[in-house]
């Protein structure tokens, strides 16, 4: 497994841990629904990153791109929400929408890379 893949797995583990901690904080310390949303996105994308890394070798040269995009998108989206809960504002006003767009594009990249790999296998 490449160093990039291993680093993405480490990021996924970190996101999973922070997601669980954020969910617990949301349940016991604050009722702000943004914290629950951030926690859900972190945990969901942690699992998705692990899955994409696991199959990345079969997706060709750019197989890790969707996982890297999911990592960046989740960081921007969830990080912005968590900062807003903690401090009332974010230093990067468009971080959450930008992160969300990166997440969408990463899922589309996974679709396209998978289809290209499937077409190449047929021929």
PDB file of N, CA and C in Angstrom:
ATOM      1  N   UNK A   1       0.854  -1.174   0.000  1.00  0.00           N
ATOM      2  CA  UNK A   1       0.000   0.000   0.000  1.00  0.00           C
ATOM      3  C   UNK A   1       0.900   1.238   0.000  1.00  0.00           C
ATOM      4  N   UNK A   2       0.518   2.230  -0.774  1.00  0.00           N
ATOM      5  CA  UNK A   2       1.334   3.439  -0.902  1.00  0.00           C
ATOM      6  C   UNK A   2       1.281   4.298   0.364  1.00  0.00           C
ATOM      7  N   UNK A   3       2.246   5.180   0.467  1.00  0.00           N
ATOM      8  CA  UNK A   3       2.276   6.105   1.605  1.00  0.00           C
ATOM      9  C   UNK A   3       1.030   6.994   1.604  1.00  0.00           C
ATOM     10  N   UNK A   4       0.614   7.441   0.421  1.00  0.00           N
ATOM     11  CA  UNK A   4      -0.589   8.274   0.325  1.00  0.00           C
ATOM     12  C   UNK A   4      -1.814   7.536   0.847  1.00  0.00           C
ATOM     13  N   UNK A   5      -1.925   6.265   0.481  1.00  0.00           N
ATOM     14  CA  UNK A   5      -3.056   5.466   0.947  1.00  0.00           C
ATOM     15  C   UNK A   5      -3.025   5.320   2.462  1.00  0.00           C
ATOM     16  N   UNK A   6      -1.847   5.091   3.009  1.00  0.00           N
ATOM     17  CA  UNK A   6      -1.725   4.951   4.461  1.00  0.00           C
ATOM     18  C   UNK A   6      -2.056   6.256   5.182  1.00  0.00           C
ATOM     19  N   UNK A   7      -1.641   7.371   4.620  1.00  0.00           N
ATOM     20  CA  UNK A   7      -1.977   8.671   5.224  1.00  0.00           C
ATOM     21  C   UNK A   7      -3.483   8.925   5.182  1.00  0.00           C
ATOM     22  N   UNK A   8      -4.117   8.543   4.079  1.00  0.00           N
ATOM     23  CA  UNK A   8      -5.574   8.698   3.996  1.00  0.00           C
ATOM     24  C   UNK A   8      -6.280   7.807   5.015  1.00  0.00           C
ATOM     25  N   UNK A   9      -5.751   6.610   5.250  1.00  0.00           N
ATOM     26  CA  UNK A   9      -6.328   5.751   6.289  1.00  0.00           C
ATOM     27  C   UNK A   9      -6.164   6.380   7.668  1.00  0.00           C
ATOM     28  N   UNK A  10      -5.029   7.016   7.908  1.00  0.00           N
ATOM     29  CA  UNK A  10      -4.827   7.707   9.188  1.00  0.00           C
ATOM     30  C   UNK A  10      -5.820   8.853   9.340  1.00  0.00           C
ATOM     31  N   UNK A  11      -6.046   9.592   8.269  1.00  0.00           N
ATOM     32  CA  UNK A  11      -7.037  10.675   8.299  1.00  0.00           C
ATOM     33  C   UNK A  11      -8.418  10.099   8.595  1.00  0.00           C
ATOM     34  N   UNK A  12      -8.746   8.980   7.960  1.00  0.00           N
ATOM     35  CA  UNK A  12     -10.046   8.350   8.199  1.00  0.00           C
ATOM     36  C   UNK A  12     -10.203   7.958   9.664  1.00  0.00           C
ATOM     37  N   UNK A  13      -9.154   7.399  10.249  1.00  0.00           N
ATOM     38  CA  UNK A  13      -9.209   7.046  11.669  1.00  0.00           C
ATOM     39  C   UNK A  13      -9.412   8.265  12.548  1.00  0.00           C
ATOM     40  N   UNK A  14      -8.714   9.337  12.230  1.00  0.00           N
ATOM     41  CA  UNK A  14      -8.868  10.588  12.980  1.00  0.00           C
ATOM     42  C   UNK A  14     -10.288  11.129  12.848  1.00  0.00           C
ATOM     43  N   UNK A  15     -10.824  11.119  11.630  1.00  0.00           N
ATOM     44  CA  UNK A  15     -12.189  11.612  11.415  1.00  0.00           C
ATOM     45  C   UNK A  15     -13.202  10.760  12.170  1.00  0.00           C
ATOM     46  N   UNK A  16     -12.990   9.447  12.192  1.00  0.00           N
ATOM     47  CA  UNK A  16     -13.891   8.582  12.943  1.00  0.00           C
ATOM     48  C   UNK A  16     -13.880   8.913  14.422  1.00  0.00           C
ATOM     49  N   UNK A  17     -12.689   9.088  14.976  1.00  0.00           N
ATOM     50  CA  UNK A  17     -12.570   9.413  16.402  1.00  0.00           C
ATOM     51  C   UNK A  17     -13.179  10.776  16.722  1.00  0.00           C
ATOM     52  N   UNK A  18     -12.870  11.775  15.909  1.00  0.00           N
ATOM     53  CA  UNK A  18     -13.424  13.115  16.142  1.00  0.00           C
ATOM     54  C   UNK A  18     -14.936  13.101  15.945  1.00  0.00           C
ATOM     55  N   UNK A  19     -15.402  12.315  14.987  1.00  0.00           N
ATOM     56  CA  UNK A  19     -16.843  12.213  14.762  1.00  0.00           C
ATOM     57  C   UNK A  19     -17.580  11.644  15.965  1.00  0.00           C
ATOM     58  N   UNK A  20     -17.033  10.597  16.559  1.00  0.00           N
ATOM     59  CA  UNK A  20     -17.651  10.011  17.756  1.00  0.00           C
ATOM     60  C   UNK A  20     -17.615  11.008  18.910  1.00  0.00           C
ATOM     61  N   UNK A  21     -16.478  11.683  19.088  1.00  0.00           N
ATOM     62  CA  UNK A  21     -16.368  12.677  20.163  1.00  0.00           C
ATOM     63  C   UNK A  21     -17.346  13.829  19.949  1.00  0.00           C
ATOM     64  N   UNK A  22     -17.486  14.269  18.707  1.00  0.00           N
ATOM     65  CA  UNK A  22     -18.421  15.360  18.412  1.00  0.00           C
ATOM     66  C   UNK A  22     -19.864  14.922  18.645  1.00  0.00           C
ATOM     67  N   UNK A  23     -20.174  13.684  18.304  1.00  0.00           N
ATOM     68  CA  UNK A  23     -21.526  13.179  18.552  1.00  0.00           C
ATOM     69  C   UNK A  23     -21.814  13.131  20.048  1.00  0.00           C
ATOM     70  N   UNK A  24     -20.839  12.685  20.826  1.00  0.00           N
ATOM     71  CA  UNK A  24     -21.014  12.645  22.282  1.00  0.00           C
ATOM     72  C   UNK A  24     -21.169  14.051  22.847  1.00  0.00           C
ATOM     73  N   UNK A  25     -20.341  14.979  22.377  1.00  0.00           N
ATOM     74  CA  UNK A  25     -20.448  16.368  22.842  1.00  0.00           C
ATOM     75  C   UNK A  25     -21.799  16.958  22.467  1.00  0.00           C
ATOM     76  N   UNK A  26     -22.261  16.644  21.280  1.00  0.00           N
ATOM     77  CA  UNK A  26     -23.564  17.141  20.851  1.00  0.00           C
ATOM     78  C   UNK A  26     -24.699  16.584  21.687  1.00  0.00           C
ATOM     79  N   UNK A  27     -24.563  15.337  22.094  1.00  0.00           N
ATOM     80  CA  UNK A  27     -25.619  14.708  22.883  1.00  0.00           C
ATOM     81  C   UNK A  27     -25.612  15.157  24.335  1.00  0.00           C
ATOM     82  N   UNK A  28     -24.436  15.445  24.878  1.00  0.00           N
ATOM     83  CA  UNK A  28     -24.336  15.717  26.310  1.00  0.00           C
ATOM     84  C   UNK A  28     -24.031  17.162  26.677  1.00  0.00           C
ATOM     85  N   UNK A  29     -23.497  17.946  25.742  1.00  0.00           N
ATOM     86  CA  UNK A  29     -23.059  19.291  26.104  1.00  0.00           C
ATOM     87  C   UNK A  29     -23.846  20.405  25.423  1.00  0.00           C
ATOM     88  N   UNK A  30     -24.278  20.174  24.216  1.00  0.00           N
ATOM     89  CA  UNK A  30     -24.997  21.211  23.482  1.00  0.00           C
ATOM     90  C   UNK A  30     -26.079  20.560  22.638  1.00  0.00           C
ATOM     91  N   UNK A  31     -27.123  21.273  22.427  1.00  0.00           N
ATOM     92  CA  UNK A  31     -28.196  20.753  21.593  1.00  0.00           C
ATOM     93  C   UNK A  31     -28.122  21.273  20.174  1.00  0.00           C
ATOM     94  N   UNK A  32     -27.003  21.878  19.804  1.00  0.00           N
ATOM     95  CA  UNK A  32     -26.863  22.471  18.473  1.00  0.00           C
ATOM     96  C   UNK A  32     -26.827  21.375  17.409  1.00  0.00           C
ATOM     97  N   UNK A  33     -27.797  21.363  16.497  1.00  0.00           N
ATOM     98  CA  UNK A  33     -27.849  20.306  15.485  1.00  0.00           C
ATOM     99  C   UNK A  33     -26.665  20.333  14.517  1.00  0.00           C
ATOM    100  N   UNK A  34     -25.972  21.455  14.420  1.00  0.00           N
ATOM    101  CA  UNK A  34     -24.808  21.518  13.528  1.00  0.00           C
ATOM    102  C   UNK A  34     -23.705  20.576  13.992  1.00  0.00           C
ATOM    103  N   UNK A  35     -23.600  20.370  15.289  1.00  0.00           N
ATOM    104  CA  UNK A  35     -22.580  19.457  15.804  1.00  0.00           C
ATOM    105  C   UNK A  35     -22.911  18.016  15.420  1.00  0.00           C
ATOM    106  N   UNK A  36     -24.172  17.661  15.488  1.00  0.00           N
ATOM    107  CA  UNK A  36     -24.587  16.318  15.075  1.00  0.00           C
ATOM    108  C   UNK A  36     -24.364  16.123  13.576  1.00  0.00           C
ATOM    109  N   UNK A  37     -24.642  17.157  12.794  1.00  0.00           N
ATOM    110  CA  UNK A  37     -24.405  17.076  11.354  1.00  0.00           C
ATOM    111  C   UNK A  37     -22.923  16.889  11.067  1.00  0.00           C
ATOM    112  N   UNK A  38     -22.080  17.681  11.724  1.00  0.00           N
ATOM    113  CA  UNK A  38     -20.631  17.560  11.533  1.00  0.00           C
ATOM    114  C   UNK A  38     -20.150  16.168  11.920  1.00  0.00           C
ATOM    115  N   UNK A  39     -20.637  15.657  13.041  1.00  0.00           N
ATOM    116  CA  UNK A  39     -20.239  14.322  13.501  1.00  0.00           C
ATOM    117  C   UNK A  39     -20.644  13.257  12.489  1.00  0.00           C
ATOM    118  N   UNK A  40     -21.863  13.346  11.995  1.00  0.00           N
ATOM    119  CA  UNK A  40     -22.344  12.371  11.007  1.00  0.00           C
ATOM    120  C   UNK A  40     -21.495  12.397   9.745  1.00  0.00           C
ATOM    121  N   UNK A  41     -21.193  13.594   9.264  1.00  0.00           N
ATOM    122  CA  UNK A  41     -20.386  13.710   8.056  1.00  0.00           C
ATOM    123  C   UNK A  41     -18.983  13.150   8.270  1.00  0.00           C
ATOM    124  N   UNK A  42     -18.393  13.410   9.427  1.00  0.00           N
ATOM    125  CA  UNK A  42     -17.054  12.883   9.696  1.00  0.00           C
ATOM    126  C   UNK A  42     -17.058  11.361   9.731  1.00  0.00           C
ATOM    127  N   UNK A  43     -18.023  10.771  10.433  1.00  0.00           N
ATOM    128  CA  UNK A  43     -18.053   9.312  10.540  1.00  0.00           C
ATOM    129  C   UNK A  43     -18.384   8.658   9.202  1.00  0.00           C
ATOM    130  N   UNK A  44     -19.337   9.213   8.468  1.00  0.00           N
ATOM    131  CA  UNK A  44     -19.697   8.669   7.161  1.00  0.00           C
ATOM    132  C   UNK A  44     -18.508   8.726   6.211  1.00  0.00           C
ATOM    133  N   UNK A  45     -17.852   9.869   6.167  1.00  0.00           N
ATOM    134  CA  UNK A  45     -16.735  10.016   5.242  1.00  0.00           C
ATOM    135  C   UNK A  45     -15.505   9.243   5.693  1.00  0.00           C
ATOM    136  N   UNK A  46     -15.345   9.019   6.991  1.00  0.00           N
ATOM    137  CA  UNK A  46     -14.255   8.161   7.466  1.00  0.00           C
ATOM    138  C   UNK A  46     -14.407   6.762   6.873  1.00  0.00           C
ATOM    139  N   UNK A  47     -15.608   6.225   6.952  1.00  0.00           N
ATOM    140  CA  UNK A  47     -15.859   4.895   6.395  1.00  0.00           C
ATOM    141  C   UNK A  47     -15.699   4.891   4.877  1.00  0.00           C
ATOM    142  N   UNK A  48     -16.172   5.942   4.228  1.00  0.00           N
ATOM    143  CA  UNK A  48     -16.056   6.023   2.772  1.00  0.00           C
ATOM    144  C   UNK A  48     -14.595   6.104   2.335  1.00  0.00           C
ATOM    145  N   UNK A  49     -13.794   6.864   3.056  1.00  0.00           N
ATOM    146  CA  UNK A  49     -12.368   6.977   2.721  1.00  0.00           C
ATOM    147  C   UNK A  49     -11.700   5.609   2.821  1.00  0.00           C
ATOM    148  N   UNK A  50     -11.987   4.875   3.886  1.00  0.00           N
ATOM    149  CA  UNK A  50     -11.416   3.533   4.038  1.00  0.00           C
ATOM    150  C   UNK A  50     -11.826   2.652   2.856  1.00  0.00           C
ATOM    151  N   UNK A  51     -13.092   2.711   2.484  1.00  0.00           N
ATOM    152  CA  UNK A  51     -13.573   1.906   1.363  1.00  0.00           C
ATOM    153  C   UNK A  51     -12.920   2.270   0.045  1.00  0.00           C
ATOM    154  N   UNK A  52     -12.801   3.553  -0.223  1.00  0.00           N
ATOM    155  CA  UNK A  52     -12.188   3.982  -1.483  1.00  0.00           C
ATOM    156  C   UNK A  52     -10.710   3.606  -1.513  1.00  0.00           C
ATOM    157  N   UNK A  53     -10.020   3.787  -0.394  1.00  0.00           N
ATOM    158  CA  UNK A  53      -8.606   3.386  -0.342  1.00  0.00           C
ATOM    159  C   UNK A  53      -8.485   1.884  -0.610  1.00  0.00           C
ATOM    160  N   UNK A  54      -9.397   1.099  -0.068  1.00  0.00           N
ATOM    161  CA  UNK A  54      -9.340  -0.355  -0.231  1.00  0.00           C
ATOM    162  C   UNK A  54      -9.472  -0.786  -1.688  1.00  0.00           C
ATOM    163  N   UNK A  55     -10.249  -0.060  -2.471  1.00  0.00           N
ATOM    164  CA  UNK A  55     -10.460  -0.440  -3.873  1.00  0.00           C
ATOM    165  C   UNK A  55      -9.666   0.423  -4.844  1.00  0.00           C
ATOM    166  N   UNK A  56      -8.882   1.351  -4.334  1.00  0.00           N
ATOM    167  CA  UNK A  56      -8.222   2.337  -5.195  1.00  0.00           C
ATOM    168  C   UNK A  56      -7.299   1.717  -6.243  1.00  0.00           C
ATOM    169  N   UNK A  57      -6.675   0.602  -5.942  1.00  0.00           N
ATOM    170  CA  UNK A  57      -5.772  -0.025  -6.911  1.00  0.00           C
ATOM    171  C   UNK A  57      -6.514  -0.432  -8.180  1.00  0.00           C
ATOM    172  N   UNK A  58      -7.772  -0.778  -8.048  1.00  0.00           N
ATOM    173  CA  UNK A  58      -8.561  -1.167  -9.206  1.00  0.00           C
ATOM    174  C   UNK A  58      -9.139  -0.007  -9.986  1.00  0.00           C
ATOM    175  N   UNK A  59      -8.924   1.207  -9.501  1.00  0.00           N
ATOM    176  CA  UNK A  59      -9.491   2.386 -10.161  1.00  0.00           C
ATOM    177  C   UNK A  59      -8.491   3.115 -11.050  1.00  0.00           C
ATOM    178  N   UNK A  60      -7.295   2.602 -11.151  1.00  0.00           N
ATOM    179  CA  UNK A  60      -6.309   3.229 -12.022  1.00  0.00           C
ATOM    180  C   UNK A  60      -5.437   4.237 -11.305  1.00  0.00           C
ATOM    181  N   UNK A  61      -4.715   4.992 -12.092  1.00  0.00           N
ATOM    182  CA  UNK A  61      -3.705   5.927 -11.589  1.00  0.00           C
ATOM    183  C   UNK A  61      -4.273   6.968 -10.635  1.00  0.00           C
ATOM    184  N   UNK A  62      -5.515   7.356 -10.826  1.00  0.00           N
ATOM    185  CA  UNK A  62      -6.125   8.390  -9.987  1.00  0.00           C
ATOM    186  C   UNK A  62      -7.064   7.809  -8.934  1.00  0.00           C
ATOM    187  N   UNK A  63      -6.863   6.558  -8.587  1.00  0.00           N
ATOM    188  CA  UNK A  63      -7.762   5.857  -7.678  1.00  0.00           C
ATOM    189  C   UNK A  63      -7.899   6.460  -6.294  1.00  0.00           C
ATOM    190  N   UNK A  64      -6.860   7.156  -5.823  1.00  0.00           N
ATOM    191  CA  UNK A  64      -6.933   7.773  -4.495  1.00  0.00           C
ATOM    192  C   UNK A  64      -7.558   9.168  -4.524  1.00  0.00           C
ATOM    193  N   UNK A  65      -7.763   9.716  -5.705  1.00  0.00           N
ATOM    194  CA  UNK A  65      -8.309  11.071  -5.811  1.00  0.00           C
ATOM    195  C   UNK A  65      -9.659  11.232  -5.105  1.00  0.00           C
ATOM    196  N   UNK A  66     -10.613  10.318  -5.299  1.00  0.00           N
ATOM    197  CA  UNK A  66     -11.880  10.488  -4.571  1.00  0.00           C
ATOM    198  C   UNK A  66     -11.702  10.451  -3.053  1.00  0.00           C
ATOM    199  N   UNK A  67     -10.824   9.595  -2.560  1.00  0.00           N
ATOM    200  CA  UNK A  67     -10.591   9.521  -1.109  1.00  0.00           C
ATOM    201  C   UNK A  67      -9.981  10.816  -0.595  1.00  0.00           C
ATOM    202  N   UNK A  68      -9.034  11.372  -1.340  1.00  0.00           N
ATOM    203  CA  UNK A  68      -8.425  12.642  -0.936  1.00  0.00           C
ATOM    204  C   UNK A  68      -9.459  13.764  -0.962  1.00  0.00           C
ATOM    205  N   UNK A  69     -10.320  13.753  -1.962  1.00  0.00           N
ATOM    206  CA  UNK A  69     -11.382  14.754  -2.032  1.00  0.00           C
ATOM    207  C   UNK A  69     -12.370  14.623  -0.887  1.00  0.00           C
ATOM    208  N   UNK A  70     -12.724  13.392  -0.549  1.00  0.00           N
ATOM    209  CA  UNK A  70     -13.619  13.182   0.589  1.00  0.00           C
ATOM    210  C   UNK A  70     -12.984  13.688   1.875  1.00  0.00           C
ATOM    211  N   UNK A  71     -11.678  13.454   2.016  1.00  0.00           N
ATOM    212  CA  UNK A  71     -10.980  13.918   3.220  1.00  0.00           C
ATOM    213  C   UNK A  71     -10.986  15.443   3.303  1.00  0.00           C
ATOM    214  N   UNK A  72     -10.673  16.104   2.204  1.00  0.00           N
ATOM    215  CA  UNK A  72     -10.651  17.567   2.194  1.00  0.00           C
ATOM    216  C   UNK A  72     -12.051  18.145   2.377  1.00  0.00           C
ATOM    217  N   UNK A  73     -13.014  17.592   1.658  1.00  0.00           N
ATOM    218  CA  UNK A  73     -14.384  18.092   1.762  1.00  0.00           C
ATOM    219  C   UNK A  73     -14.956  17.941   3.157  1.00  0.00           C
ATOM    220  N   UNK A  74     -14.720  16.787   3.775  1.00  0.00           N
ATOM    221  CA  UNK A  74     -15.222  16.565   5.139  1.00  0.00           C
ATOM    222  C   UNK A  74     -14.558  17.505   6.130  1.00  0.00           C
ATOM    223  N   UNK A  75     -13.261  17.751   5.939  1.00  0.00           N
ATOM    224  CA  UNK A  75     -12.552  18.679   6.819  1.00  0.00           C
ATOM    225  C   UNK A  75     -13.152  20.082   6.731  1.00  0.00           C
ATOM    226  N   UNK A  76     -13.345  20.563   5.521  1.00  0.00           N
ATOM    227  CA  UNK A  76     -13.897  21.912   5.352  1.00  0.00           C
ATOM    228  C   UNK A  76     -15.330  22.001   5.862  1.00  0.00           C
ATOM    229  N   UNK A  77     -16.162  21.031   5.469  1.00  0.00           N
ATOM    230  CA  UNK A  77     -17.577  21.071   5.835  1.00  0.00           C
ATOM    231  C   UNK A  77     -17.761  20.918   7.343  1.00  0.00           C
ATOM    232  N   UNK A  78     -17.245  19.826   7.883  1.00  0.00           N
ATOM    233  CA  UNK A  78     -17.446  19.555   9.307  1.00  0.00           C
ATOM    234  C   UNK A  78     -16.660  20.517  10.181  1.00  0.00           C
ATOM    235  N   UNK A  79     -15.450  20.834   9.758  1.00  0.00           N
ATOM    236  CA  UNK A  79     -14.643  21.781  10.527  1.00  0.00           C
ATOM    237  C   UNK A  79     -15.318  23.127  10.659  1.00  0.00           C
ATOM    238  N   UNK A  80     -15.889  23.606   9.570  1.00  0.00           N
ATOM    239  CA  UNK A  80     -16.589  24.890   9.611  1.00  0.00           C
ATOM    240  C   UNK A  80     -17.776  24.838  10.570  1.00  0.00           C
ATOM    241  N   UNK A  81     -18.561  23.770  10.492  1.00  0.00           N
ATOM    242  CA  UNK A  81     -19.714  23.655  11.393  1.00  0.00           C
ATOM    243  C   UNK A  81     -19.275  23.601  12.850  1.00  0.00           C
ATOM    244  N   UNK A  82     -18.218  22.854  13.127  1.00  0.00           N
ATOM    245  CA  UNK A  82     -17.752  22.725  14.508  1.00  0.00           C
ATOM    246  C   UNK A  82     -17.178  24.045  15.034  1.00  0.00           C
ATOM    247  N   UNK A  83     -16.477  24.768  14.191  1.00  0.00           N
ATOM    248  CA  UNK A  83     -15.959  26.079  14.600  1.00  0.00           C
ATOM    249  C   UNK A  83     -17.108  27.041  14.877  1.00  0.00           C
ATOM    250  N   UNK A  84     -18.143  26.990  14.056  1.00  0.00           N
ATOM    251  CA  UNK A  84     -19.305  27.866  14.271  1.00  0.00           C
ATOM    252  C   UNK A  84     -20.014  27.538  15.590  1.00  0.00           C
ATOM    253  N   UNK A  85     -20.101  26.259  15.915  1.00  0.00           N
ATOM    254  CA  UNK A  85     -20.715  25.873  17.188  1.00  0.00           C
ATOM    255  C   UNK A  85     -19.866  26.376  18.352  1.00  0.00           C
ATOM    256  N   UNK A  86     -18.560  26.219  18.247  1.00  0.00           N
ATOM    257  CA  UNK A  86     -17.667  26.578  19.352  1.00  0.00           C
ATOM    258  C   UNK A  86     -17.490  28.082  19.520  1.00  0.00           C
ATOM    259  N   UNK A  87     -17.394  28.805  18.405  1.00  0.00           N
ATOM    260  CA  UNK A  87     -17.031  30.224  18.478  1.00  0.00           C
ATOM    261  C   UNK A  87     -18.093  31.185  17.946  1.00  0.00           C
ATOM    262  N   UNK A  88     -19.155  30.655  17.372  1.00  0.00           N
ATOM    263  CA  UNK A  88     -20.224  31.506  16.866  1.00  0.00           C
ATOM    264  C   UNK A  88     -20.000  32.033  15.463  1.00  0.00           C
ATOM    265  N   UNK A  89     -18.817  31.900  14.934  1.00  0.00           N
ATOM    266  CA  UNK A  89     -18.504  32.348  13.577  1.00  0.00           C
ATOM    267  C   UNK A  89     -17.321  31.534  13.070  1.00  0.00           C
ATOM    268  N   UNK A  90     -17.085  31.623  11.782  1.00  0.00           N
ATOM    269  CA  UNK A  90     -15.970  30.900  11.179  1.00  0.00           C
ATOM    270  C   UNK A  90     -15.057  31.883  10.460  1.00  0.00           C
ATOM    271  N   UNK A  91     -13.748  31.666  10.530  1.00  0.00           N
ATOM    272  CA  UNK A  91     -12.836  32.556   9.817  1.00  0.00           C
ATOM    273  C   UNK A  91     -12.897  32.375   8.298  1.00  0.00           C
ATOM    274  N   UNK A  92     -13.462  31.270   7.859  1.00  0.00           N
ATOM    275  CA  UNK A  92     -13.602  31.000   6.424  1.00  0.00           C
ATOM    276  C   UNK A  92     -15.086  30.892   6.092  1.00  0.00           C
ATOM    277  N   UNK A  93     -15.720  31.989   5.706  1.00  0.00           N
ATOM    278  CA  UNK A  93     -17.176  32.009   5.563  1.00  0.00           C
ATOM    279  C   UNK A  93     -17.747  31.012   4.550  1.00  0.00           C
ATOM    280  N   UNK A  94     -16.999  30.639   3.548  1.00  0.00           N
ATOM    281  CA  UNK A  94     -17.525  29.720   2.535  1.00  0.00           C
ATOM    282  C   UNK A  94     -16.969  28.300   2.682  1.00  0.00           C
ATOM    283  N   UNK A  95     -16.406  27.981   3.841  1.00  0.00           N
ATOM    284  CA  UNK A  95     -15.775  26.671   4.020  1.00  0.00           C
ATOM    285  C   UNK A  95     -16.788  25.532   3.926  1.00  0.00           C
ATOM    286  N   UNK A  96     -17.933  25.651   4.586  1.00  0.00           N
ATOM    287  CA  UNK A  96     -18.914  24.560   4.557  1.00  0.00           C
ATOM    288  C   UNK A  96     -19.465  24.329   3.149  1.00  0.00           C
ATOM    289  N   UNK A  97     -19.914  25.362   2.440  1.00  0.00           N
ATOM    290  CA  UNK A  97     -20.400  25.105   1.080  1.00  0.00           C
ATOM    291  C   UNK A  97     -19.300  24.592   0.138  1.00  0.00           C
ATOM    292  N   UNK A  98     -18.094  25.102   0.318  1.00  0.00           N
ATOM    293  CA  UNK A  98     -16.982  24.624  -0.507  1.00  0.00           C
ATOM    294  C   UNK A  98     -16.692  23.162  -0.195  1.00  0.00           C
ATOM    295  N   UNK A  99     -16.680  22.820   1.080  1.00  0.00           N
ATOM    296  CA  UNK A  99     -16.475  21.431   1.469  1.00  0.00           C
ATOM    297  C   UNK A  99     -17.563  20.525   0.927  1.00  0.00           C
ATOM    298  N   UNK A 100     -18.797  20.984   0.986  1.00  0.00           N
ATOM    299  CA  UNK A 100     -19.904  20.200   0.441  1.00  0.00           C
ATOM    300  C   UNK A 100     -19.761  19.970  -1.054  1.00  0.00           C
ATOM    301  N   UNK A 101     -19.343  21.001  -1.776  1.00  0.00           N
ATOM    302  CA  UNK A 101     -19.146  20.858  -3.221  1.00  0.00           C
ATOM    303  C   UNK A 101     -18.001  19.888  -3.517  1.00  0.00           C
ATOM    304  N   UNK A 102     -16.937  19.958  -2.740  1.00  0.00           N
ATOM    305  CA  UNK A 102     -15.819  19.026  -2.925  1.00  0.00           C
ATOM    306  C   UNK A 102     -16.275  17.594  -2.645  1.00  0.00           C
ATOM    307  N   UNK A 103     -17.129  17.408  -1.643  1.00  0.00           N
ATOM    308  CA  UNK A 103     -17.664  16.072  -1.362  1.00  0.00           C
ATOM    309  C   UNK A 103     -18.470  15.553  -2.550  1.00  0.00           C
ATOM    310  N   UNK A 104     -19.336  16.390  -3.092  1.00  0.00           N
ATOM    311  CA  UNK A 104     -20.145  15.980  -4.250  1.00  0.00           C
ATOM    312  C   UNK A 104     -19.244  15.604  -5.420  1.00  0.00           C
ATOM    313  N   UNK A 105     -18.263  16.453  -5.712  1.00  0.00           N
ATOM    314  CA  UNK A 105     -17.349  16.190  -6.826  1.00  0.00           C
ATOM    315  C   UNK A 105     -16.524  14.926  -6.593  1.00  0.00           C
ATOM    316  N   UNK A 106     -16.195  14.649  -5.350  1.00  0.00           N
ATOM    317  CA  UNK A 106     -15.433  13.438  -5.036  1.00  0.00           C
ATOM    318  C   UNK A 106     -16.255  12.186  -5.297  1.00  0.00           C
ATOM    319  N   UNK A 107     -17.533  12.229  -4.947  1.00  0.00           N
ATOM    320  CA  UNK A 107     -18.401  11.084  -5.236  1.00  0.00           C
ATOM    321  C   UNK A 107     -18.563  10.906  -6.746  1.00  0.00           C
ATOM    322  N   UNK A 108     -18.692  12.008  -7.471  1.00  0.00           N
ATOM    323  CA  UNK A 108     -18.788  11.923  -8.932  1.00  0.00           C
ATOM    324  C   UNK A 108     -17.493  11.368  -9.515  1.00  0.00           C
ATOM    325  N   UNK A 109     -16.353  11.779  -8.969  1.00  0.00           N
ATOM    326  CA  UNK A 109     -15.066  11.239  -9.424  1.00  0.00           C
ATOM    327  C   UNK A 109     -15.014   9.733  -9.210  1.00  0.00           C
ATOM    328  N   UNK A 110     -15.543   9.264  -8.092  1.00  0.00           N
ATOM    329  CA  UNK A 110     -15.580   7.824  -7.834  1.00  0.00           C
ATOM    330  C   UNK A 110     -16.435   7.109  -8.882  1.00  0.00           C
ATOM    331  N   UNK A 111     -17.572   7.693  -9.210  1.00  0.00           N
ATOM    332  CA  UNK A 111     -18.438   7.120 -10.250  1.00  0.00           C
ATOM    333  C   UNK A 111     -17.677   7.022 -11.568  1.00  0.00           C
ATOM    334  N   UNK A 112     -17.064   8.127 -11.979  1.00  0.00           N
ATOM    335  CA  UNK A 112     -16.379   8.164 -13.272  1.00  0.00           C
ATOM    336  C   UNK A 112     -15.189   7.205 -13.316  1.00  0.00           C
ATOM    337  N   UNK A 113     -14.380   7.196 -12.273  1.00  0.00           N
ATOM    338  CA  UNK A 113     -13.232   6.283 -12.243  1.00  0.00           C
ATOM    339  C   UNK A 113     -13.683   4.826 -12.267  1.00  0.00           C
ATOM    340  N   UNK A 114     -14.779   4.530 -11.580  1.00  0.00           N
ATOM    341  CA  UNK A 114     -15.304   3.160 -11.565  1.00  0.00           C
ATOM    342  C   UNK A 114     -15.812   2.752 -12.942  1.00  0.00           C
ATOM    343  N   UNK A 115     -16.518   3.662 -13.604  1.00  0.00           N
ATOM    344  CA  UNK A 115     -17.024   3.360 -14.946  1.00  0.00           C
ATOM    345  C   UNK A 115     -15.886   3.174 -15.944  1.00  0.00           C
ATOM    346  N   UNK A 116     -14.886   4.034 -15.880  1.00  0.00           N
ATOM    347  CA  UNK A 116     -13.730   3.893 -16.775  1.00  0.00           C
ATOM    348  C   UNK A 116     -13.034   2.556 -16.530  1.00  0.00           C
ATOM    349  N   UNK A 117     -12.849   2.189 -15.272  1.00  0.00           N
ATOM    350  CA  UNK A 117     -12.213   0.907 -14.952  1.00  0.00           C
ATOM    351  C   UNK A 117     -13.049  -0.261 -15.466  1.00  0.00           C
ATOM    352  N   UNK A 118     -14.370  -0.159 -15.340  1.00  0.00           N
ATOM    353  CA  UNK A 118     -15.252  -1.231 -15.816  1.00  0.00           C
ATOM    354  C   UNK A 118     -15.197  -1.356 -17.334  1.00  0.00           C
ATOM    355  N   UNK A 119     -15.177  -0.232 -18.029  1.00  0.00           N
ATOM    356  CA  UNK A 119     -15.110  -0.256 -19.497  1.00  0.00           C
ATOM    357  C   UNK A 119     -13.785  -0.847 -19.959  1.00  0.00           C
ATOM    358  N   UNK A 120     -12.707  -0.482 -19.307  1.00  0.00           N
ATOM    359  CA  UNK A 120     -11.392  -1.017 -19.679  1.00  0.00           C
ATOM    360  C   UNK A 120     -11.301  -2.516 -19.439  1.00  0.00           C
ATOM    361  N   UNK A 121     -11.979  -3.012 -18.446  1.00  0.00           N
ATOM    362  CA  UNK A 121     -11.951  -4.456 -18.159  1.00  0.00           C
ATOM    363  C   UNK A 121     -12.724  -5.243 -19.208  1.00  0.00           C
ATOM    364  N   UNK A 122     -13.765  -4.652 -19.763  1.00  0.00           N
ATOM    365  CA  UNK A 122     -14.571  -5.347 -20.766  1.00  0.00           C
ATOM    366  C   UNK A 122     -13.775  -5.573 -22.036  1.00  0.00           C
ATOM    367  N   UNK A 123     -12.944  -4.602 -22.378  1.00  0.00           N
ATOM    368  CA  UNK A 123     -12.243  -4.625 -23.665  1.00  0.00           C
ATOM    369  C   UNK A 123     -10.997  -5.381 -23.598  1.00  0.00           C
TER     370      UNK A 123
END
